[in-house]
């Protein structure tokens, strides 16, 4: 079971990228999120983001315990989940034909994931896999809110 947890936690090995594995995982989530938005709709994107989050809590917690690290840099399933959440406003306002909101969702999510302003930073203190996942999910949700405002106000 530990091998499965590691495989999922590292997003099928992306977490072993020699530099910026979180950025690589976020970038890898973009085509998945965009395809879900284009071909399946927001309900499916929400379902997949929630499934990735739930699986991520288990997988990242098990992976962290297996390698005896509190929040291993190789655990990047949290970036995948957060990036999917950040993309949700794209379909709500009907802009799936334009790639610019996707790019902005990526940069907003990476900004909040790296910066981790309060209260996002406090979520890292939660135990186990929940602490690993929660700050990225919150970063994705905040990014989604800002993206929704930018799209709704015709800034992009």
N, C-alpha and C. Protein backbone atom coordinates (compact mmCIF):
# COMPACT_ATOMS: atom_id res chain seq x y z
N UNK A 1 0.82 -1.20 0.00
CA UNK A 1 0.00 0.00 0.00
C UNK A 1 0.86 1.25 0.00
N UNK A 2 2.06 1.16 0.60
CA UNK A 2 2.95 2.32 0.63
C UNK A 2 3.39 2.73 -0.77
N UNK A 3 3.61 1.75 -1.65
CA UNK A 3 4.01 2.07 -3.03
C UNK A 3 2.91 2.83 -3.76
N UNK A 4 1.68 2.43 -3.55
CA UNK A 4 0.55 3.13 -4.17
C UNK A 4 0.45 4.55 -3.62
N UNK A 5 0.59 4.71 -2.31
CA UNK A 5 0.54 6.03 -1.70
C UNK A 5 1.64 6.93 -2.26
N UNK A 6 2.84 6.39 -2.39
CA UNK A 6 3.95 7.17 -2.93
C UNK A 6 3.70 7.53 -4.39
N UNK A 7 3.21 6.58 -5.18
CA UNK A 7 2.91 6.84 -6.58
C UNK A 7 1.90 7.97 -6.73
N UNK A 8 0.84 7.93 -5.93
CA UNK A 8 -0.19 8.97 -5.99
C UNK A 8 0.31 10.29 -5.41
N UNK A 9 0.97 10.22 -4.27
CA UNK A 9 1.46 11.43 -3.60
C UNK A 9 2.44 12.21 -4.48
N UNK A 10 3.26 11.48 -5.21
CA UNK A 10 4.26 12.13 -6.08
C UNK A 10 3.69 12.45 -7.46
N UNK A 11 2.38 12.28 -7.62
CA UNK A 11 1.72 12.52 -8.91
C UNK A 11 2.41 11.72 -10.01
N UNK A 12 2.52 10.43 -9.75
CA UNK A 12 3.11 9.49 -10.70
C UNK A 12 4.56 9.82 -11.04
N UNK A 13 5.29 10.30 -10.03
CA UNK A 13 6.72 10.55 -10.17
C UNK A 13 7.10 11.99 -10.42
N UNK A 14 6.16 12.86 -10.67
CA UNK A 14 6.47 14.27 -10.93
C UNK A 14 7.17 14.89 -9.72
N UNK A 15 6.85 14.42 -8.54
CA UNK A 15 7.45 14.94 -7.32
C UNK A 15 8.95 14.72 -7.23
N UNK A 16 9.47 13.86 -8.09
CA UNK A 16 10.92 13.62 -8.11
C UNK A 16 11.66 14.50 -9.10
N UNK A 17 10.98 15.49 -9.67
CA UNK A 17 11.65 16.43 -10.58
C UNK A 17 12.82 17.08 -9.83
N UNK A 18 13.95 17.27 -10.50
CA UNK A 18 15.13 17.78 -9.79
C UNK A 18 14.99 19.19 -9.24
N UNK A 19 14.11 19.98 -9.82
CA UNK A 19 13.85 21.32 -9.28
C UNK A 19 12.39 21.67 -9.53
N UNK A 20 11.83 22.45 -8.63
CA UNK A 20 10.45 22.95 -8.72
C UNK A 20 9.41 21.87 -9.00
N UNK A 21 9.41 20.77 -8.21
CA UNK A 21 8.42 19.73 -8.48
C UNK A 21 6.98 20.20 -8.31
N UNK A 22 6.73 21.14 -7.41
CA UNK A 22 5.38 21.67 -7.25
C UNK A 22 4.91 22.42 -8.48
N UNK A 23 5.80 23.17 -9.09
CA UNK A 23 5.46 23.89 -10.31
C UNK A 23 5.19 22.91 -11.45
N UNK A 24 6.00 21.86 -11.54
CA UNK A 24 5.77 20.85 -12.57
C UNK A 24 4.44 20.15 -12.36
N UNK A 25 4.09 19.84 -11.12
CA UNK A 25 2.82 19.19 -10.83
C UNK A 25 1.64 20.11 -11.17
N UNK A 26 1.77 21.40 -10.83
CA UNK A 26 0.72 22.36 -11.18
C UNK A 26 0.54 22.45 -12.69
N UNK A 27 1.66 22.50 -13.40
CA UNK A 27 1.61 22.57 -14.86
C UNK A 27 1.00 21.30 -15.45
N UNK A 28 1.30 20.15 -14.85
CA UNK A 28 0.74 18.89 -15.33
C UNK A 28 -0.76 18.83 -15.11
N UNK A 29 -1.26 19.52 -14.10
CA UNK A 29 -2.70 19.53 -13.82
C UNK A 29 -3.48 20.39 -14.81
N UNK A 30 -2.82 21.33 -15.46
CA UNK A 30 -3.52 22.24 -16.36
C UNK A 30 -4.23 21.53 -17.52
N UNK A 31 -3.57 20.64 -18.26
CA UNK A 31 -4.30 19.98 -19.36
C UNK A 31 -5.46 19.12 -18.86
N UNK A 32 -5.27 18.47 -17.71
CA UNK A 32 -6.36 17.68 -17.13
C UNK A 32 -7.54 18.58 -16.79
N UNK A 33 -7.28 19.66 -16.07
CA UNK A 33 -8.35 20.58 -15.68
C UNK A 33 -9.03 21.20 -16.89
N UNK A 34 -8.25 21.60 -17.87
CA UNK A 34 -8.80 22.24 -19.06
C UNK A 34 -9.66 21.27 -19.85
N UNK A 35 -9.19 20.02 -20.00
CA UNK A 35 -9.97 19.01 -20.71
C UNK A 35 -11.27 18.72 -19.97
N UNK A 36 -11.21 18.64 -18.65
CA UNK A 36 -12.43 18.42 -17.88
C UNK A 36 -13.42 19.56 -18.07
N UNK A 37 -12.91 20.79 -18.08
CA UNK A 37 -13.79 21.95 -18.29
C UNK A 37 -14.41 21.93 -19.68
N UNK A 38 -13.61 21.65 -20.68
CA UNK A 38 -14.10 21.70 -22.06
C UNK A 38 -15.08 20.58 -22.38
N UNK A 39 -14.78 19.36 -21.92
CA UNK A 39 -15.53 18.21 -22.37
C UNK A 39 -16.49 17.62 -21.35
N UNK A 40 -16.32 17.96 -20.09
CA UNK A 40 -17.15 17.34 -19.05
C UNK A 40 -17.92 18.35 -18.21
N UNK A 41 -17.43 19.57 -18.13
CA UNK A 41 -18.12 20.60 -17.37
C UNK A 41 -17.61 20.75 -15.94
N UNK A 42 -18.14 21.77 -15.30
CA UNK A 42 -17.67 22.11 -13.96
C UNK A 42 -17.98 21.05 -12.93
N UNK A 43 -19.12 20.39 -13.04
CA UNK A 43 -19.46 19.37 -12.05
C UNK A 43 -18.38 18.29 -12.00
N UNK A 44 -17.90 17.88 -13.16
CA UNK A 44 -16.87 16.85 -13.22
C UNK A 44 -15.55 17.39 -12.67
N UNK A 45 -15.22 18.63 -13.00
CA UNK A 45 -14.00 19.22 -12.46
C UNK A 45 -14.06 19.27 -10.93
N UNK A 46 -15.19 19.67 -10.38
CA UNK A 46 -15.36 19.71 -8.92
C UNK A 46 -15.20 18.30 -8.35
N UNK A 47 -15.85 17.33 -8.97
CA UNK A 47 -15.77 15.95 -8.48
C UNK A 47 -14.33 15.44 -8.50
N UNK A 48 -13.62 15.69 -9.60
CA UNK A 48 -12.23 15.24 -9.70
C UNK A 48 -11.36 15.96 -8.67
N UNK A 49 -11.55 17.26 -8.50
CA UNK A 49 -10.76 18.01 -7.51
C UNK A 49 -11.01 17.47 -6.10
N UNK A 50 -12.25 17.15 -5.79
CA UNK A 50 -12.57 16.60 -4.47
C UNK A 50 -11.99 15.20 -4.30
N UNK A 51 -12.07 14.38 -5.34
CA UNK A 51 -11.49 13.03 -5.27
C UNK A 51 -9.98 13.11 -5.10
N UNK A 52 -9.32 13.96 -5.88
CA UNK A 52 -7.87 14.13 -5.76
C UNK A 52 -7.53 14.61 -4.34
N UNK A 53 -8.34 15.49 -3.78
CA UNK A 53 -8.10 16.00 -2.43
C UNK A 53 -8.23 14.90 -1.38
N UNK A 54 -9.27 14.13 -1.47
CA UNK A 54 -9.49 13.05 -0.49
C UNK A 54 -8.41 11.98 -0.61
N UNK A 55 -8.14 11.56 -1.84
CA UNK A 55 -7.07 10.58 -2.06
C UNK A 55 -5.73 11.17 -1.61
N UNK A 56 -5.55 12.45 -1.88
CA UNK A 56 -4.30 13.13 -1.52
C UNK A 56 -4.05 13.18 -0.03
N UNK A 57 -5.10 13.36 0.76
CA UNK A 57 -4.94 13.37 2.21
C UNK A 57 -4.37 12.03 2.67
N UNK A 58 -4.96 10.96 2.17
CA UNK A 58 -4.46 9.63 2.54
C UNK A 58 -3.05 9.39 1.99
N UNK A 59 -2.88 9.62 0.68
CA UNK A 59 -1.61 9.28 0.03
C UNK A 59 -0.45 10.11 0.55
N UNK A 60 -0.65 11.41 0.70
CA UNK A 60 0.45 12.25 1.17
C UNK A 60 0.78 11.96 2.63
N UNK A 61 -0.23 11.65 3.43
CA UNK A 61 0.02 11.27 4.82
C UNK A 61 0.80 9.97 4.91
N UNK A 62 0.41 8.98 4.13
CA UNK A 62 1.10 7.69 4.14
C UNK A 62 2.51 7.83 3.60
N UNK A 63 2.69 8.62 2.55
CA UNK A 63 4.02 8.84 1.97
C UNK A 63 4.92 9.55 2.97
N UNK A 64 4.39 10.56 3.63
CA UNK A 64 5.18 11.30 4.63
C UNK A 64 5.62 10.38 5.77
N UNK A 65 4.70 9.54 6.24
CA UNK A 65 5.07 8.59 7.30
C UNK A 65 6.12 7.60 6.82
N UNK A 66 5.99 7.13 5.58
CA UNK A 66 6.91 6.13 5.05
C UNK A 66 8.33 6.65 4.94
N UNK A 67 8.48 7.94 4.65
CA UNK A 67 9.84 8.49 4.51
C UNK A 67 10.23 9.35 5.71
N UNK A 68 9.38 9.34 6.73
CA UNK A 68 9.64 10.03 7.99
C UNK A 68 9.93 11.52 7.80
N UNK A 69 9.08 12.18 7.00
CA UNK A 69 9.17 13.63 6.81
C UNK A 69 7.78 14.21 6.98
N UNK A 70 7.70 15.36 7.63
CA UNK A 70 6.41 15.97 7.93
C UNK A 70 5.67 16.42 6.67
N UNK A 71 6.34 17.08 5.76
CA UNK A 71 5.73 17.55 4.51
C UNK A 71 6.79 17.42 3.41
N UNK A 72 6.93 16.21 2.87
CA UNK A 72 8.00 15.98 1.89
C UNK A 72 7.79 16.78 0.60
N UNK A 73 8.87 17.32 0.08
CA UNK A 73 8.81 18.07 -1.17
C UNK A 73 8.40 17.20 -2.36
N UNK A 74 8.58 15.89 -2.22
CA UNK A 74 8.19 14.99 -3.30
C UNK A 74 6.68 14.78 -3.36
N UNK A 75 5.97 15.13 -2.31
CA UNK A 75 4.52 15.00 -2.29
C UNK A 75 3.91 16.20 -3.00
N UNK A 76 3.40 15.97 -4.21
CA UNK A 76 2.90 17.08 -5.03
C UNK A 76 1.45 16.91 -5.45
N UNK A 77 0.78 15.89 -4.92
CA UNK A 77 -0.64 15.73 -5.24
C UNK A 77 -1.44 16.93 -4.73
N UNK A 78 -0.91 17.61 -3.72
CA UNK A 78 -1.57 18.81 -3.20
C UNK A 78 -1.58 19.93 -4.24
N UNK A 79 -0.51 20.03 -5.03
CA UNK A 79 -0.47 21.03 -6.10
C UNK A 79 -1.48 20.69 -7.21
N UNK A 80 -1.63 19.42 -7.50
CA UNK A 80 -2.60 19.02 -8.51
C UNK A 80 -4.01 19.42 -8.05
N UNK A 81 -4.36 19.09 -6.82
CA UNK A 81 -5.68 19.45 -6.31
C UNK A 81 -5.88 20.96 -6.29
N UNK A 82 -4.91 21.68 -5.76
CA UNK A 82 -5.03 23.13 -5.68
C UNK A 82 -5.19 23.77 -7.05
N UNK A 83 -4.44 23.28 -8.03
CA UNK A 83 -4.53 23.84 -9.38
C UNK A 83 -5.91 23.58 -9.98
N UNK A 84 -6.46 22.41 -9.73
CA UNK A 84 -7.81 22.12 -10.24
C UNK A 84 -8.84 23.06 -9.63
N UNK A 85 -8.73 23.31 -8.33
CA UNK A 85 -9.64 24.27 -7.71
C UNK A 85 -9.47 25.67 -8.31
N UNK A 86 -8.25 26.07 -8.57
CA UNK A 86 -7.99 27.42 -9.11
C UNK A 86 -8.62 27.62 -10.48
N UNK A 87 -8.83 26.55 -11.22
CA UNK A 87 -9.36 26.65 -12.58
C UNK A 87 -10.89 26.72 -12.65
N UNK A 88 -11.57 26.50 -11.57
CA UNK A 88 -13.03 26.39 -11.60
C UNK A 88 -13.78 27.60 -12.17
N UNK A 89 -13.36 28.83 -11.93
CA UNK A 89 -14.12 29.96 -12.49
C UNK A 89 -14.10 30.03 -14.02
N UNK A 90 -13.19 29.35 -14.65
CA UNK A 90 -13.07 29.45 -16.11
C UNK A 90 -14.36 29.03 -16.79
N UNK A 91 -14.98 27.96 -16.36
CA UNK A 91 -16.21 27.50 -16.99
C UNK A 91 -17.43 28.25 -16.48
N UNK A 92 -17.39 28.73 -15.26
CA UNK A 92 -18.55 29.43 -14.69
C UNK A 92 -18.92 30.65 -15.51
N UNK A 93 -17.92 31.36 -15.98
CA UNK A 93 -18.20 32.57 -16.73
C UNK A 93 -18.07 32.37 -18.24
N UNK A 94 -17.96 31.11 -18.64
CA UNK A 94 -18.01 30.79 -20.07
C UNK A 94 -16.82 31.21 -20.88
N UNK A 95 -15.62 31.10 -20.34
CA UNK A 95 -14.43 31.53 -21.08
C UNK A 95 -13.52 30.36 -21.43
N UNK A 96 -14.07 29.16 -21.61
CA UNK A 96 -13.22 28.00 -21.86
C UNK A 96 -12.51 28.05 -23.21
N UNK A 97 -12.95 28.88 -24.13
CA UNK A 97 -12.29 28.96 -25.43
C UNK A 97 -11.00 29.78 -25.36
N UNK A 98 -10.81 30.52 -24.31
CA UNK A 98 -9.65 31.40 -24.17
C UNK A 98 -8.64 30.77 -23.20
N UNK A 99 -7.40 30.68 -23.60
CA UNK A 99 -6.36 30.05 -22.78
C UNK A 99 -5.82 31.01 -21.71
N UNK A 100 -6.00 32.31 -21.88
CA UNK A 100 -5.46 33.28 -20.93
C UNK A 100 -5.93 33.04 -19.49
N UNK A 101 -7.21 32.77 -19.24
CA UNK A 101 -7.61 32.48 -17.85
C UNK A 101 -6.91 31.25 -17.27
N UNK A 102 -6.59 30.27 -18.10
CA UNK A 102 -5.88 29.08 -17.64
C UNK A 102 -4.47 29.47 -17.17
N UNK A 103 -3.82 30.30 -17.96
CA UNK A 103 -2.47 30.75 -17.61
C UNK A 103 -2.52 31.59 -16.33
N UNK A 104 -3.50 32.45 -16.21
CA UNK A 104 -3.62 33.28 -15.01
C UNK A 104 -3.95 32.41 -13.80
N UNK A 105 -4.79 31.40 -13.96
CA UNK A 105 -5.08 30.47 -12.86
C UNK A 105 -3.80 29.80 -12.38
N UNK A 106 -2.94 29.43 -13.32
CA UNK A 106 -1.67 28.80 -12.96
C UNK A 106 -0.80 29.76 -12.14
N UNK A 107 -0.63 30.98 -12.63
CA UNK A 107 0.25 31.92 -11.92
C UNK A 107 -0.34 32.36 -10.58
N UNK A 108 -1.65 32.56 -10.51
CA UNK A 108 -2.25 32.91 -9.22
C UNK A 108 -2.06 31.79 -8.21
N UNK A 109 -2.32 30.55 -8.65
CA UNK A 109 -2.15 29.43 -7.73
C UNK A 109 -0.70 29.30 -7.26
N UNK A 110 0.24 29.40 -8.18
CA UNK A 110 1.65 29.28 -7.79
C UNK A 110 2.04 30.40 -6.82
N UNK A 111 1.53 31.61 -7.07
CA UNK A 111 1.82 32.74 -6.18
C UNK A 111 1.37 32.43 -4.76
N UNK A 112 0.11 32.03 -4.60
CA UNK A 112 -0.42 31.78 -3.25
C UNK A 112 0.16 30.51 -2.64
N UNK A 113 0.48 29.52 -3.46
CA UNK A 113 1.07 28.29 -2.94
C UNK A 113 2.47 28.54 -2.40
N UNK A 114 3.23 29.37 -3.07
CA UNK A 114 4.60 29.67 -2.63
C UNK A 114 4.59 30.69 -1.49
N UNK A 115 3.81 31.74 -1.64
CA UNK A 115 3.77 32.84 -0.67
C UNK A 115 3.15 32.39 0.65
N UNK A 116 2.03 31.67 0.58
CA UNK A 116 1.29 31.18 1.74
C UNK A 116 0.99 32.27 2.78
N UNK A 117 0.25 33.30 2.40
CA UNK A 117 -0.10 34.33 3.39
C UNK A 117 -1.03 33.75 4.46
N UNK A 118 -1.09 34.44 5.60
CA UNK A 118 -2.03 34.04 6.63
C UNK A 118 -3.43 34.21 6.08
N UNK A 119 -4.35 33.36 6.26
CA UNK A 119 -4.40 32.18 7.11
C UNK A 119 -3.98 30.88 6.43
N UNK A 120 -3.58 30.96 5.14
CA UNK A 120 -3.17 29.75 4.44
C UNK A 120 -2.03 29.05 5.17
N UNK A 121 -1.07 29.82 5.63
CA UNK A 121 0.10 29.25 6.30
C UNK A 121 -0.28 28.45 7.55
N UNK A 122 -1.34 28.83 8.21
CA UNK A 122 -1.79 28.13 9.43
C UNK A 122 -2.29 26.72 9.12
N UNK A 123 -2.77 26.51 7.91
CA UNK A 123 -3.31 25.20 7.55
C UNK A 123 -2.24 24.12 7.49
N UNK A 124 -0.99 24.53 7.30
CA UNK A 124 0.11 23.56 7.29
C UNK A 124 0.28 22.89 8.65
N UNK A 125 -0.24 23.51 9.70
CA UNK A 125 -0.11 22.95 11.05
C UNK A 125 -1.09 21.82 11.33
N UNK A 126 -2.04 21.60 10.43
CA UNK A 126 -2.97 20.49 10.62
C UNK A 126 -2.19 19.18 10.54
N UNK A 127 -2.67 18.13 11.17
CA UNK A 127 -1.90 16.88 11.22
C UNK A 127 -1.88 16.10 9.90
N UNK A 128 -0.76 15.42 9.67
CA UNK A 128 -0.63 14.45 8.57
C UNK A 128 -0.95 14.97 7.20
N UNK A 129 -1.62 14.11 6.43
CA UNK A 129 -1.96 14.45 5.05
C UNK A 129 -2.91 15.63 4.94
N UNK A 130 -3.72 15.86 5.95
CA UNK A 130 -4.62 17.01 5.92
C UNK A 130 -3.82 18.31 5.90
N UNK A 131 -2.77 18.38 6.69
CA UNK A 131 -1.91 19.57 6.71
C UNK A 131 -1.16 19.75 5.40
N UNK A 132 -0.78 18.65 4.78
CA UNK A 132 -0.07 18.72 3.50
C UNK A 132 -1.00 19.26 2.42
N UNK A 133 -2.24 18.82 2.44
CA UNK A 133 -3.19 19.17 1.38
C UNK A 133 -3.91 20.50 1.60
N UNK A 134 -4.25 20.84 2.83
CA UNK A 134 -5.17 21.95 3.11
C UNK A 134 -4.66 23.30 2.62
N UNK A 135 -3.36 23.58 2.79
CA UNK A 135 -2.87 24.89 2.37
C UNK A 135 -2.94 25.06 0.86
N UNK A 136 -2.73 23.99 0.11
CA UNK A 136 -2.80 24.09 -1.35
C UNK A 136 -4.24 24.19 -1.83
N UNK A 137 -5.14 23.49 -1.17
CA UNK A 137 -6.55 23.61 -1.51
C UNK A 137 -7.03 25.04 -1.25
N UNK A 138 -6.63 25.59 -0.11
CA UNK A 138 -6.99 26.98 0.21
C UNK A 138 -6.37 27.95 -0.80
N UNK A 139 -5.13 27.71 -1.20
CA UNK A 139 -4.49 28.56 -2.22
C UNK A 139 -5.26 28.49 -3.53
N UNK A 140 -5.72 27.29 -3.88
CA UNK A 140 -6.50 27.14 -5.10
C UNK A 140 -7.84 27.85 -5.03
N UNK A 141 -8.48 27.78 -3.89
CA UNK A 141 -9.79 28.42 -3.72
C UNK A 141 -9.65 29.95 -3.75
N UNK A 142 -8.64 30.47 -3.09
CA UNK A 142 -8.40 31.92 -3.12
C UNK A 142 -8.04 32.37 -4.54
N UNK A 143 -7.22 31.60 -5.21
CA UNK A 143 -6.88 31.91 -6.61
C UNK A 143 -8.12 31.91 -7.48
N UNK A 144 -9.00 30.94 -7.25
CA UNK A 144 -10.25 30.86 -8.01
C UNK A 144 -11.11 32.10 -7.78
N UNK A 145 -11.16 32.55 -6.53
CA UNK A 145 -11.94 33.76 -6.24
C UNK A 145 -11.40 34.98 -6.96
N UNK A 146 -10.10 35.13 -6.95
CA UNK A 146 -9.49 36.26 -7.65
C UNK A 146 -9.66 36.15 -9.15
N UNK A 147 -9.54 34.95 -9.69
CA UNK A 147 -9.74 34.74 -11.12
C UNK A 147 -11.18 35.05 -11.50
N UNK A 148 -12.12 34.62 -10.68
CA UNK A 148 -13.53 34.89 -10.95
C UNK A 148 -13.78 36.40 -10.99
N UNK A 149 -13.21 37.12 -10.05
CA UNK A 149 -13.36 38.59 -10.05
C UNK A 149 -12.77 39.18 -11.32
N UNK A 150 -11.57 38.75 -11.68
CA UNK A 150 -10.91 39.29 -12.88
C UNK A 150 -11.72 39.01 -14.14
N UNK A 151 -12.26 37.82 -14.25
CA UNK A 151 -13.06 37.48 -15.44
C UNK A 151 -14.40 38.23 -15.41
N UNK A 152 -15.06 38.25 -14.27
CA UNK A 152 -16.36 38.91 -14.15
C UNK A 152 -16.30 40.40 -14.42
N UNK A 153 -15.22 41.02 -14.04
CA UNK A 153 -15.06 42.45 -14.24
C UNK A 153 -14.37 42.78 -15.57
N UNK A 154 -14.26 41.77 -16.42
CA UNK A 154 -13.68 41.94 -17.75
C UNK A 154 -12.24 42.46 -17.73
N UNK A 155 -11.49 42.07 -16.72
CA UNK A 155 -10.08 42.45 -16.68
C UNK A 155 -9.25 41.52 -17.56
N UNK A 156 -9.81 40.34 -17.80
CA UNK A 156 -9.13 39.41 -18.72
C UNK A 156 -10.14 38.83 -19.68
